Protein backbone atom coordinates (compact mmCIF):
# COMPACT_ATOMS: atom_id res chain seq x y z
CA MET A 1 6.41 -82.38 -18.93
CA LYS A 2 3.78 -84.03 -17.35
CA GLN A 3 4.76 -82.91 -13.86
CA LEU A 4 4.76 -79.25 -14.67
CA LYS A 5 0.53 -80.15 -15.64
CA LEU A 6 0.43 -80.96 -11.99
CA ILE A 7 0.79 -77.74 -10.36
CA ASP A 8 -3.22 -76.36 -12.78
CA PHE A 9 -3.99 -77.41 -9.62
CA VAL A 10 -3.13 -75.27 -7.20
CA PHE A 11 -3.93 -71.17 -9.02
CA PHE A 12 -7.15 -71.04 -8.16
CA LEU A 13 -6.11 -70.50 -4.89
CA PHE A 14 -5.41 -67.20 -4.82
CA PHE A 15 -9.02 -66.29 -4.80
CA PHE A 16 -9.05 -68.38 -1.79
CA THR A 17 -11.80 -71.01 -3.35
CA GLU A 18 -9.22 -73.61 -3.93
CA SER A 19 -9.63 -77.07 -2.29
CA LEU A 20 -7.46 -79.98 -2.12
CA THR A 21 -5.73 -82.49 0.24
CA LEU A 22 -1.77 -82.02 -0.24
CA PRO A 23 -0.58 -83.51 2.54
CA THR A 24 2.98 -82.69 3.38
CA LYS A 25 4.81 -85.70 1.91
CA ILE A 26 3.35 -85.01 -1.60
CA THR A 27 3.72 -80.99 -1.33
CA GLN A 28 7.18 -81.85 -0.45
CA LYS A 29 7.63 -84.43 -3.21
CA PHE A 30 6.55 -82.03 -5.79
CA ILE A 31 8.53 -79.58 -5.21
CA GLU A 32 11.42 -82.21 -5.94
CA GLU A 33 10.27 -83.31 -9.11
CA ASN A 34 9.41 -79.64 -9.92
CA ILE A 35 12.90 -78.22 -8.77
CA GLU A 36 14.29 -76.63 -12.32
CA TYR A 37 10.85 -74.85 -13.14
CA ILE A 38 11.27 -73.35 -9.55
CA ALA A 39 14.45 -72.25 -9.74
CA ILE A 40 14.13 -70.00 -12.72
CA ILE A 41 11.22 -68.37 -11.68
CA ALA A 42 12.63 -67.56 -8.81
CA PHE A 43 16.20 -66.55 -10.11
CA ALA A 44 14.33 -64.90 -13.05
CA GLN A 45 12.02 -62.87 -11.21
CA TYR A 46 14.86 -61.95 -8.28
CA VAL A 47 17.51 -60.96 -11.01
CA GLN A 48 15.32 -59.61 -14.06
CA GLU A 49 18.36 -58.73 -16.39
CA ALA A 50 20.32 -62.69 -16.05
CA THR A 51 20.90 -64.15 -19.52
CA PHE A 52 18.81 -67.67 -19.16
CA GLU A 53 22.81 -69.28 -19.84
CA ASP A 54 23.16 -67.91 -15.86
CA VAL A 55 19.94 -69.26 -14.99
CA GLU A 56 20.58 -72.65 -16.49
CA ILE A 57 23.91 -72.43 -14.22
CA LEU A 58 22.07 -71.98 -11.70
CA VAL A 59 19.33 -74.41 -12.08
CA LYS A 60 22.07 -77.36 -12.74
CA ASP A 61 23.42 -76.31 -9.18
CA MET A 62 20.24 -76.45 -7.39
CA VAL A 63 19.25 -79.47 -9.58
CA GLU A 64 22.23 -81.17 -7.84
CA TYR A 65 21.55 -79.90 -4.23
CA LYS A 66 18.38 -81.32 -4.58
CA ASP A 67 19.87 -84.72 -5.60
CA ARG A 68 22.57 -84.16 -2.28
CA CYS A 69 19.97 -83.88 0.02
CA VAL A 70 17.79 -86.05 -1.26
CA ALA A 71 20.12 -88.69 -0.64
CA ASN A 72 21.00 -87.20 2.56
CA LYS A 73 19.09 -84.92 4.53
CA THR A 74 21.34 -85.02 7.30
CA LEU A 75 24.02 -82.52 5.22
CA PRO A 76 24.14 -78.96 7.12
CA GLU A 77 23.57 -77.45 4.39
CA CYS A 78 19.50 -79.89 3.79
CA PHE A 79 18.81 -77.57 6.78
CA LYS A 80 18.99 -74.27 5.36
CA LEU A 81 15.41 -72.68 3.82
CA PRO A 82 15.31 -73.31 -0.32
CA ASN A 83 15.38 -69.26 -0.61
CA ASN A 84 18.18 -69.03 1.51
CA VAL A 85 19.94 -71.30 -0.38
CA LEU A 86 18.75 -69.86 -3.61
CA GLN A 87 19.74 -66.66 -2.97
CA GLU A 88 23.49 -67.57 -2.12
CA LYS A 89 23.80 -69.37 -5.21
CA ILE A 90 22.61 -66.68 -7.02
CA CYS A 91 25.55 -64.42 -5.18
CA ALA A 92 27.94 -66.83 -5.61
CA MET A 93 27.71 -66.88 -8.87
CA GLU A 94 31.10 -64.71 -10.05
CA GLY A 95 30.90 -60.92 -11.62
CA LEU A 96 26.82 -61.69 -11.29
CA PRO A 97 26.20 -59.40 -8.67
CA GLN A 98 28.00 -56.56 -9.83
CA LYS A 99 26.49 -56.85 -12.91
CA HIS A 100 22.98 -56.51 -12.23
CA ASN A 101 23.43 -53.69 -9.45
CA PHE A 102 22.35 -56.17 -6.65
CA SER A 103 25.84 -57.14 -4.25
CA HIS A 104 23.88 -54.74 -1.52
CA CYS A 105 21.62 -57.03 -1.13
CA CYS A 106 24.59 -59.90 -1.33
CA SER A 107 26.22 -58.18 1.55
CA LYS A 108 22.64 -58.82 3.53
CA VAL A 109 22.26 -62.57 5.30
CA ASP A 110 18.97 -64.66 5.21
CA PHE A 111 15.59 -62.48 7.13
CA GLU A 112 17.47 -59.44 6.08
CA ARG A 113 18.59 -60.67 2.22
CA ARG A 114 14.89 -61.67 1.13
CA PRO A 115 12.76 -58.28 1.33
CA CYS A 116 16.16 -57.05 -0.35
CA PHE A 117 15.20 -59.43 -3.47
CA PHE A 118 12.25 -58.58 -3.54
CA PHE A 119 12.63 -54.83 -3.75
CA ASN A 120 15.25 -54.93 -6.46
CA LYS A 121 12.68 -55.92 -8.32
CA LYS A 122 11.34 -53.29 -11.06
CA ALA A 123 7.66 -53.74 -11.92
CA ASP A 124 8.57 -51.86 -15.81
CA VAL A 125 10.17 -53.93 -17.80
CA GLY A 126 10.79 -51.46 -20.74
CA PHE A 127 14.33 -52.33 -19.78
CA LEU A 128 14.00 -56.15 -21.36
CA PRO A 129 13.79 -56.92 -25.16
CA PRO A 130 10.90 -57.84 -26.31
CA PHE A 131 8.78 -60.76 -25.87
CA PRO A 132 10.77 -62.76 -28.54
CA THR A 133 8.28 -64.53 -31.31
CA LEU A 134 8.56 -67.48 -33.73
CA ASP A 135 6.95 -68.39 -36.53
CA PRO A 136 4.12 -71.04 -35.32
CA GLU A 137 6.49 -73.88 -37.66
CA GLU A 138 8.75 -72.43 -35.82
CA LYS A 139 7.57 -73.19 -32.66
CA CYS A 140 5.98 -76.07 -33.35
CA GLN A 141 9.55 -77.77 -34.57
CA ALA A 142 11.05 -76.57 -30.98
CA PHE A 143 8.32 -78.02 -29.10
CA LYS A 144 8.77 -80.67 -30.83
CA ASN A 145 12.73 -81.43 -31.03
CA SER A 146 13.09 -80.90 -27.13
CA ARG A 147 9.80 -80.18 -25.62
CA LYS A 148 11.56 -79.47 -21.91
CA SER A 149 14.05 -76.17 -23.46
CA PHE A 150 11.30 -75.03 -25.24
CA LEU A 151 9.09 -74.73 -21.49
CA ASN A 152 12.76 -74.10 -19.53
CA HIS A 153 12.12 -70.70 -22.49
CA TYR A 154 8.77 -70.09 -22.03
CA ILE A 155 8.76 -70.06 -18.23
CA TYR A 156 12.22 -67.52 -18.15
CA GLU A 157 10.94 -64.86 -20.20
CA ILE A 158 7.00 -64.58 -18.56
CA ALA A 159 8.91 -64.61 -14.64
CA ARG A 160 11.73 -61.93 -15.78
CA ARG A 161 8.08 -59.97 -17.00
CA ASN A 162 6.55 -60.56 -14.47
CA PRO A 163 8.53 -61.18 -11.36
CA PHE A 164 5.41 -60.21 -8.34
CA VAL A 165 3.27 -62.89 -10.10
CA PHE A 166 3.21 -66.04 -7.35
CA ALA A 167 5.14 -69.33 -8.43
CA PRO A 168 2.41 -71.35 -9.03
CA THR A 169 0.65 -69.45 -11.33
CA LEU A 170 3.54 -69.14 -13.79
CA LEU A 171 3.71 -72.68 -13.63
CA SER A 172 -0.02 -73.17 -14.32
CA VAL A 173 0.25 -70.46 -17.39
CA ALA A 174 3.27 -72.69 -18.70
CA ALA A 175 0.82 -75.75 -18.55
CA ARG A 176 -1.85 -73.69 -20.01
CA PHE A 177 0.83 -72.43 -22.66
CA GLU A 178 1.57 -76.55 -23.68
CA GLU A 179 -1.18 -77.52 -23.61
CA VAL A 180 -2.03 -74.65 -26.30
CA ALA A 181 1.12 -75.92 -28.36
CA ASN A 182 0.13 -79.09 -27.96
CA THR A 183 -3.12 -78.85 -30.13
CA CYS A 184 -2.21 -76.21 -32.65
CA CYS A 185 1.02 -77.53 -33.97
CA GLU A 186 -1.35 -80.43 -35.14
CA GLU A 187 -4.24 -77.67 -36.56
CA ARG A 188 -3.08 -76.96 -40.09
CA HIS A 189 -4.32 -72.85 -39.44
CA LYS A 190 -0.97 -72.70 -36.92
CA VAL A 191 -1.00 -69.09 -36.64
CA SER A 192 -4.89 -68.36 -35.67
CA CYS A 193 -4.95 -71.42 -33.69
CA PHE A 194 -2.25 -69.48 -31.62
CA GLN A 195 -3.19 -66.28 -32.01
CA THR A 196 -6.38 -67.55 -30.18
CA ARG A 197 -5.83 -70.17 -27.32
CA ALA A 198 -2.32 -68.08 -26.34
CA ALA A 199 -5.09 -64.96 -25.85
CA ALA A 200 -6.75 -66.58 -23.61
CA VAL A 201 -3.62 -68.20 -21.62
CA ILE A 202 -2.28 -64.00 -21.49
CA GLN A 203 -5.53 -62.86 -20.21
CA TYR A 204 -5.53 -65.07 -17.63
CA LEU A 205 -1.73 -64.53 -16.55
CA LYS A 206 -2.41 -60.27 -16.67
CA ALA A 207 -5.75 -61.08 -14.50
CA PHE A 208 -3.60 -63.21 -11.93
CA SER A 209 -1.04 -60.41 -11.90
CA SER A 210 -3.22 -57.77 -11.46
CA TYR A 211 -5.19 -59.25 -9.33
CA GLN A 212 -1.83 -60.12 -6.50
CA LYS A 213 0.17 -56.71 -7.20
CA ASN A 214 -2.63 -55.37 -5.25
CA VAL A 215 -3.37 -58.12 -3.09
CA CYS A 216 0.69 -57.95 -2.13
CA GLY A 217 0.98 -54.31 -2.56
CA ALA A 218 -2.06 -54.14 0.26
CA TYR A 219 -0.16 -56.81 2.69
CA LEU A 220 3.39 -54.51 2.39
CA LYS A 221 1.75 -51.56 3.54
CA PHE A 222 -0.24 -52.15 5.14
CA GLY A 223 -0.27 -55.04 6.45
CA THR A 224 -2.34 -58.14 6.88
CA LYS A 225 -5.69 -57.17 8.63
CA VAL A 226 -6.45 -55.50 4.76
CA LEU A 227 -5.80 -59.12 3.44
CA ASN A 228 -8.15 -61.08 5.67
CA PHE A 229 -10.73 -58.25 4.78
CA ILE A 230 -10.53 -59.77 1.46
CA ASN A 231 -9.75 -63.15 2.16
CA ILE A 232 -12.66 -63.48 4.18
CA ALA A 233 -15.11 -61.53 1.78
CA VAL A 234 -13.94 -64.55 -0.85
CA LEU A 235 -14.53 -67.37 1.45
CA SER A 236 -17.98 -66.50 2.60
CA GLN A 237 -19.50 -65.96 -0.62
CA LYS A 238 -17.96 -69.46 -1.97
CA PHE A 239 -19.41 -70.96 1.26
CA PRO A 240 -21.67 -69.19 2.60
CA LYS A 241 -22.55 -72.59 5.23
CA ILE A 242 -19.01 -72.05 6.93
CA GLU A 243 -19.13 -70.88 10.76
CA PHE A 244 -17.62 -68.06 12.02
CA LYS A 245 -14.85 -70.03 13.55
CA GLU A 246 -14.23 -72.34 11.16
CA LEU A 247 -13.87 -69.39 9.10
CA THR A 248 -11.21 -67.37 10.85
CA SER A 249 -9.56 -70.62 12.09
CA LEU A 250 -8.83 -70.94 7.44
CA ILE A 251 -8.23 -67.02 7.66
CA GLU A 252 -4.95 -68.02 10.14
CA ASP A 253 -3.68 -70.37 7.41
CA VAL A 254 -4.62 -68.32 4.49
CA SER A 255 -2.70 -65.11 5.52
CA SER A 256 0.44 -66.84 7.08
CA LYS A 257 1.38 -67.73 3.32
CA TYR A 258 1.36 -64.16 2.27
CA GLU A 259 4.44 -63.08 3.48
CA GLY A 260 6.42 -66.17 1.41
CA CYS A 261 4.44 -65.87 -1.44
CA CYS A 262 4.77 -61.92 -1.83
CA GLU A 263 8.48 -61.71 -1.09
CA GLY A 264 8.76 -64.29 -4.03
CA ASP A 265 9.66 -67.24 -1.48
CA VAL A 266 8.67 -69.73 -4.00
CA VAL A 267 9.23 -73.17 -2.23
CA GLN A 268 7.60 -71.50 0.50
CA CYS A 269 4.76 -70.31 -0.65
CA ILE A 270 3.49 -73.61 -2.67
CA ARG A 271 4.04 -75.21 0.66
CA ASP A 272 1.45 -72.81 2.60
CA THR A 273 -0.71 -72.84 -0.52
CA SER A 274 -0.80 -76.18 -0.06
CA LYS A 275 -2.01 -76.29 3.48
CA VAL A 276 -4.67 -74.14 2.56
CA MET A 277 -5.52 -76.45 0.30
CA ASN A 278 -5.61 -79.12 2.98
CA HIS A 279 -7.19 -77.66 5.27
CA ILE A 280 -10.23 -76.74 3.17
CA CYS A 281 -10.51 -79.83 1.48
CA SER A 282 -9.97 -81.93 5.04
CA LYS A 283 -12.97 -79.66 6.37
CA GLN A 284 -15.63 -79.79 3.42
CA ASP A 285 -18.92 -81.42 5.33
CA SER A 286 -18.67 -78.09 7.25
CA ILE A 287 -17.80 -75.64 4.29
CA SER A 288 -19.61 -76.88 1.58
CA SER A 289 -22.16 -79.19 -0.37
CA LYS A 290 -20.26 -78.84 -3.46
CA ILE A 291 -16.73 -79.48 -2.84
CA LYS A 292 -17.17 -83.33 -1.91
CA GLU A 293 -16.83 -84.68 -6.03
CA CYS A 294 -13.95 -82.73 -6.85
CA CYS A 295 -11.95 -83.45 -3.58
CA GLU A 296 -12.30 -87.32 -4.67
CA LYS A 297 -10.92 -86.67 -7.54
CA LYS A 298 -7.48 -87.28 -8.65
CA MET A 299 -4.70 -84.58 -9.54
CA PRO A 300 -4.84 -82.65 -11.61
CA GLU A 301 -8.93 -83.00 -12.31
CA ARG A 302 -9.89 -81.45 -8.94
CA GLY A 303 -8.38 -78.35 -8.97
CA GLU A 304 -10.38 -77.30 -12.74
CA CYS A 305 -13.22 -79.57 -10.11
CA ILE A 306 -13.15 -77.21 -7.62
CA ILE A 307 -12.61 -73.84 -9.88
CA ASN A 308 -15.91 -74.77 -11.69
CA SER A 309 -17.73 -75.38 -8.71
CA ASN A 310 -21.36 -73.09 -7.79
CA LYS A 311 -21.01 -71.23 -4.65
CA ASP A 312 -22.77 -73.44 -2.25
CA ASP A 313 -26.55 -72.71 -1.30
CA ARG A 314 -26.56 -69.87 1.28
CA PRO A 315 -28.83 -70.86 4.27
CA LYS A 316 -31.29 -69.67 5.79
CA ASP A 317 -30.17 -68.63 9.68
CA LEU A 318 -28.47 -65.46 7.98
CA ARG A 319 -28.08 -63.16 10.81
CA GLU A 320 -26.64 -59.94 8.86
CA ALA A 321 -29.73 -57.84 11.00
CA LYS A 322 -27.41 -58.49 13.92
CA PHE A 323 -25.71 -55.62 12.43
CA THR A 324 -28.81 -53.08 12.84
CA ASP A 325 -30.91 -54.44 15.37
CA SER A 326 -28.19 -54.65 18.33
CA GLU A 327 -28.59 -52.08 21.24
CA ASN A 328 -24.62 -52.87 22.37
CA ILE A 329 -23.40 -52.45 18.66
CA CYS A 330 -20.89 -49.56 19.84
CA GLN A 331 -20.00 -51.71 22.95
CA GLU A 332 -19.01 -54.80 20.77
CA ARG A 333 -17.74 -52.80 18.15
CA ASP A 334 -15.11 -51.16 21.34
CA THR A 335 -14.52 -54.02 22.64
CA ASP A 336 -13.27 -56.15 20.01
CA PRO A 337 -13.70 -54.45 17.18
CA ASP A 338 -10.93 -56.88 14.44
CA ASN A 339 -13.45 -59.30 15.15
CA PHE A 340 -16.63 -57.53 14.90
CA PHE A 341 -15.42 -55.75 11.25
CA ALA A 342 -15.20 -59.02 10.53
CA GLU A 343 -17.69 -61.32 11.51
CA PHE A 344 -19.52 -58.39 9.85
CA THR A 345 -17.44 -58.51 6.50
CA TYR A 346 -18.61 -62.45 6.77
CA GLU A 347 -22.03 -61.56 7.08
CA TYR A 348 -22.69 -59.15 5.01
CA SER A 349 -20.88 -61.75 2.02
CA ARG A 350 -22.77 -64.36 2.83
CA ASN A 351 -26.13 -62.45 2.24
CA HIS A 352 -24.92 -60.25 -0.76
CA PRO A 353 -22.93 -63.59 -3.14
CA ASP A 354 -23.74 -61.11 -6.11
CA LEU A 355 -22.04 -58.47 -5.03
CA SER A 356 -17.92 -58.31 -6.13
CA ILE A 357 -15.02 -58.86 -4.25
CA PRO A 358 -14.45 -54.76 -4.15
CA GLU A 359 -17.61 -53.98 -3.41
CA THR A 360 -18.13 -56.59 -0.69
CA THR A 361 -14.63 -55.29 1.45
CA ALA A 362 -14.76 -51.65 0.48
CA LYS A 363 -17.91 -52.42 3.24
CA HIS A 364 -15.52 -52.88 6.36
CA LEU A 365 -13.50 -49.32 5.49
CA LYS A 366 -17.26 -47.92 6.23
CA ILE A 367 -19.13 -50.28 8.81
CA GLU A 368 -17.45 -47.76 11.67
CA TRP A 369 -19.42 -45.03 10.25
CA VAL A 370 -22.26 -46.41 8.95
CA SER A 371 -23.45 -50.28 10.42
CA VAL A 372 -23.44 -48.73 13.98
CA PHE A 373 -24.79 -45.61 13.77
CA ILE A 374 -28.08 -46.61 14.71
CA TRP A 375 -30.81 -43.80 15.60
CA ASN A 376 -31.50 -44.86 19.37
CA GLN A 377 -27.43 -44.85 19.66
CA THR A 378 -26.86 -41.81 18.13
CA ASP A 379 -25.20 -39.86 21.34
CA LYS A 380 -22.80 -42.98 22.41
CA CYS A 381 -21.64 -43.74 18.77
CA SER A 382 -21.02 -40.04 18.24
CA PHE A 383 -19.42 -39.94 21.92
CA SER A 384 -16.88 -42.64 20.63
CA TYR A 385 -15.88 -41.15 17.40
CA LEU A 386 -14.69 -37.74 19.34
CA ILE A 387 -12.95 -39.52 22.24
CA ARG A 388 -10.71 -41.52 19.34
CA LEU A 389 -10.81 -38.39 16.89
CA THR A 390 -9.39 -36.53 20.42
CA LYS A 391 -6.84 -39.37 21.41
CA THR A 392 -5.21 -39.41 17.93
CA ALA A 393 -4.68 -36.10 17.18
CA PRO A 394 -4.92 -33.96 20.64
CA GLN A 395 -2.61 -31.39 19.07
CA LEU A 396 -6.00 -30.10 17.08
CA SER A 397 -7.74 -27.28 19.43
CA THR A 398 -10.34 -28.03 21.32
CA GLU A 399 -13.03 -26.21 18.89
CA GLU A 400 -11.18 -27.88 15.45
CA LEU A 401 -11.93 -31.65 16.78
CA ILE A 402 -15.05 -30.78 17.89
CA SER A 403 -16.20 -28.79 14.65
CA LEU A 404 -14.79 -32.06 12.81
CA GLY A 405 -16.47 -34.31 15.26
CA GLU A 406 -19.84 -32.51 14.27
CA LYS A 407 -19.38 -33.01 10.39
CA MET A 408 -18.82 -36.82 11.05
CA VAL A 409 -22.40 -36.71 12.98
CA MET A 410 -23.53 -34.77 10.23
CA ALA A 411 -22.78 -37.25 7.49
CA LEU A 412 -23.82 -39.69 9.30
CA THR A 413 -27.10 -38.69 10.14
CA THR A 414 -27.56 -37.74 6.31
CA CYS A 415 -26.28 -40.56 5.05
CA CYS A 416 -28.35 -42.97 6.84
CA THR A 417 -31.43 -41.41 6.07
CA LEU A 418 -30.38 -42.06 1.88
CA SER A 419 -30.90 -45.46 0.13
CA GLU A 420 -27.24 -45.12 -1.14
CA GLU A 421 -26.19 -44.65 2.39
CA PHE A 422 -22.22 -46.23 1.69
CA ALA A 423 -21.83 -43.99 -1.85
CA CYS A 424 -23.01 -41.53 0.41
CA VAL A 425 -20.92 -41.90 3.60
CA ASP A 426 -17.63 -42.73 1.41
CA ASN A 427 -17.66 -39.18 -0.03
CA LEU A 428 -18.71 -37.33 3.32
CA VAL A 429 -15.80 -38.80 5.55
CA ASP A 430 -13.62 -37.92 2.84
CA LEU A 431 -14.52 -34.94 3.02
CA VAL A 432 -14.54 -34.59 6.77
CA LEU A 433 -11.21 -35.92 6.66
CA GLY A 434 -9.55 -33.71 3.79
CA GLU A 435 -10.35 -31.69 6.02
CA LEU A 436 -8.87 -33.11 9.18
CA CYS A 437 -5.48 -33.32 6.29
CA GLY A 438 -5.79 -30.07 5.45
CA ILE A 439 -5.50 -28.61 2.18
CA ASN A 440 -1.47 -27.85 2.86
CA GLU A 441 0.41 -30.23 2.54
CA ASN A 442 3.10 -29.03 5.16
CA ARG A 443 0.24 -28.89 7.49
CA THR A 444 1.65 -31.34 10.29
CA ILE A 445 -0.64 -32.82 13.27
CA ASN A 446 1.45 -35.57 14.13
CA PRO A 447 3.98 -38.44 12.70
CA ALA A 448 0.97 -41.08 12.37
CA VAL A 449 -1.86 -38.76 11.16
CA ASP A 450 0.48 -37.23 9.24
CA HIS A 451 1.25 -40.37 7.63
CA CYS A 452 -2.09 -41.60 6.76
CA CYS A 453 -2.72 -38.38 5.66
CA LYS A 454 0.09 -38.60 2.90
CA THR A 455 -1.06 -42.09 2.29
CA ASN A 456 -2.67 -43.61 -0.89
CA PHE A 457 -5.74 -42.10 -1.18
CA ALA A 458 -8.04 -45.52 -1.31
CA PHE A 459 -6.31 -46.69 1.97
CA ARG A 460 -6.89 -43.80 3.89
CA ARG A 461 -10.31 -44.46 5.71
CA HIS A 462 -8.50 -47.37 6.97
CA CYS A 463 -5.17 -45.87 7.90
CA PHE A 464 -6.80 -43.85 10.45
CA GLU A 465 -8.91 -47.02 11.74
CA GLY A 466 -5.96 -48.53 12.24
CA LEU A 467 -4.50 -44.83 14.82
CA LYS A 468 -3.93 -45.66 18.50
CA ALA A 469 -3.23 -42.44 20.91
CA ASP A 470 -1.01 -40.34 20.42
CA LYS A 471 1.50 -41.20 23.40
CA THR A 472 4.04 -38.16 22.17
CA TYR A 473 1.60 -35.13 23.16
CA ILE A 474 1.72 -33.55 26.23
CA PRO A 475 -0.73 -31.61 27.61
CA PRO A 476 -0.46 -28.10 28.28
CA PRO A 477 -0.51 -26.84 31.57
CA THR A 478 -4.08 -26.88 33.10
CA THR A 479 -5.77 -23.22 33.97
CA LYS A 480 -8.12 -22.89 36.72
CA ASP A 481 -11.25 -22.43 35.13
CA LEU A 482 -11.07 -25.48 33.13
CA PHE A 483 -13.25 -27.51 34.45
CA THR A 484 -15.02 -24.65 36.47
CA PHE A 485 -19.18 -24.98 35.71
CA ASN A 486 -21.57 -22.75 36.28
CA ALA A 487 -25.50 -21.53 36.02
CA ASP A 488 -24.64 -20.33 32.47
CA LEU A 489 -25.13 -23.86 31.50
CA CYS A 490 -28.31 -23.72 32.59
CA GLN A 491 -28.94 -21.34 29.58
CA ALA A 492 -27.34 -23.47 26.62
CA GLN A 493 -29.87 -25.19 24.67
CA ASP A 494 -29.52 -27.83 22.59
CA GLU A 495 -26.64 -26.93 20.17
CA GLU A 496 -25.28 -24.47 22.55
CA LEU A 497 -25.52 -27.48 25.23
CA GLN A 498 -23.99 -30.43 23.08
CA ARG A 499 -21.11 -27.99 22.13
CA LYS A 500 -20.25 -27.28 25.73
CA LYS A 501 -20.23 -31.10 27.13
CA ASP A 502 -18.28 -32.29 24.38
CA ARG A 503 -15.88 -29.08 24.81
CA PHE A 504 -15.72 -30.64 28.63
CA LEU A 505 -15.31 -34.62 26.65
CA VAL A 506 -12.74 -33.02 24.88
CA ASN A 507 -10.32 -30.91 27.28
CA LEU A 508 -10.71 -34.30 30.02
CA VAL A 509 -9.41 -36.66 27.28
CA LYS A 510 -6.90 -34.56 26.09
CA LEU A 511 -5.78 -33.37 29.87
CA LYS A 512 -6.23 -37.11 30.72
CA ARG A 513 -5.60 -39.37 27.40
CA GLU A 514 -4.87 -43.27 29.56
CA LEU A 515 -8.11 -43.27 30.67
CA THR A 516 -10.01 -46.22 29.16
CA ASP A 517 -13.39 -44.88 27.26
CA GLU A 518 -15.09 -46.51 30.49
CA GLU A 519 -13.62 -44.25 32.64
CA LEU A 520 -14.05 -41.06 30.67
CA GLN A 521 -17.59 -42.48 29.28
CA SER A 522 -18.53 -42.61 34.16
CA LEU A 523 -16.05 -38.90 34.08
CA PHE A 524 -19.02 -37.31 31.34
CA THR A 525 -22.16 -39.51 33.22
CA SER A 526 -21.09 -37.39 36.36
CA PHE A 527 -20.57 -34.25 34.77
CA ALA A 528 -23.96 -35.07 32.50
CA ASN A 529 -25.69 -35.63 36.15
CA ALA A 530 -24.31 -32.70 37.96
CA VAL A 531 -25.93 -30.48 35.17
CA GLU A 532 -28.87 -31.41 35.43
CA LYS A 533 -28.89 -31.61 39.12
CA CYS A 534 -27.93 -28.52 39.93
CA CYS A 535 -30.14 -26.87 36.95
CA SER A 536 -33.00 -27.99 38.61
CA ALA A 537 -32.03 -27.08 42.32
CA GLU A 538 -33.38 -23.60 43.49
CA GLY A 539 -29.36 -22.50 43.70
CA PRO A 540 -27.75 -23.63 40.28
CA GLU A 541 -24.39 -21.60 41.20
CA ALA A 542 -24.21 -23.21 44.39
CA CYS A 543 -24.61 -26.64 43.26
CA PHE A 544 -21.97 -26.37 41.00
CA ASN A 545 -19.75 -25.22 43.26
CA GLU A 546 -20.46 -28.56 45.63
CA GLU A 547 -20.25 -30.89 42.41
CA VAL A 548 -17.10 -29.14 41.05
CA VAL A 549 -15.16 -31.26 43.86
CA ILE A 550 -15.68 -34.14 41.92
CA PHE A 551 -13.49 -32.98 38.89
CA HIS A 552 -10.56 -32.01 41.03
CA PHE A 553 -8.70 -35.70 39.78
CA TYR A 554 -6.45 -33.02 37.31
């Protein structure tokens, strides 16, 4: 299994800290040379109940297909995507779709069929027989008699029991197990050798299985946005001197590979993974000073070198203060929120290489509530939040929206005075969102909000973060006094005055949800100026009657 060892260089990329030059032609050659192992993994993951004999039939068919296309690339079948070809061949196996209940997938074609096969996978593998075990002497004898057959069986068994693990990881597991067998079969005490060395391989598989399932779960449920923050955090910690522009370019390559890897397209996963590795090593001078020697090594030594390389030295000009010192922080956030939060994660991660990835990536979920809440900009951020909340859930009463807005501001002002501000915000924001969602499961606001209220608790804040204005909302008919102002405004003080201003803002947003934040800000400023002007006038009522003309826009 000499070729299989070549894949040992790919597994660490799934933490996005890998770095190898692997041009397209080399990638294609690697796929062709390892077509048997790739076909075993794909088949065993898609149809976990299939026997090894079934797998052998498909492998033979795929090898013949590969040979035909290598000999003549102009054949019509050679223009198809490899994953589509593989699924077509699985569906063509007599009686197999009916026997294992995936006929409904075979009735679909191409890109509709792939997710069907994916969702047919079973995470609970209790229906499979126990993992076959052999006495170490028997195991070693089988290994010596036919390494290929021994390792094919091993890949088949681990793939069907780990249907969501990326193919390069499974290939690496098999390569590692081959090394264990090489060593232990020469040892006198084979039992203890296998127990010790094989345990490390299994632990490696479990770690990657857990990570990849979580990552793909987030990707399939929430898209690439969450993954981008994870990738930004990992790469920024490993390569702190990388420029943000270069990082965003790399993230595009990293994110693009998830569709294939997460949905089980083995060949596309390998190709996209190779593209990322090539990207990193081709820009190594601007990414890290620690990987130069690694990128010059040959396979597979380069992979282990990259894995064991240290995090690069932190630059001296790190700029985390940018997110606490800027007077325009809310404007920057609102202008391009995705880029704003991405850059914050980038700066925060390379400033804090000691934090775990979950602790780093978790910050982007809270940054909207904390980092933009600067003391001298409380009113601006409160204004922004109230607009957003009203646009998102206009069905709520004006008073409830104001109350929720007040509680959010209270949470922020409370937490920003504490050393553990992020943990504080975690707890208090969850309470506010919990109140928004309500205790009763039957509470209905609108489909988008209801979805976020019912989604995975860990992702609830992120779900709300991505909500847009509810375009289905039809505001009630306006009443004559909705925007009628009088001298009573002049008697209100502090909190009472703020509530009156908030009430004006919420009603304005409900009525004119199509207005931009800037237009709303302009109208709100006009209202505040009118209040100040008229309350200072000798005749406030007459002044209000004159000024109210500007609000007859509805």
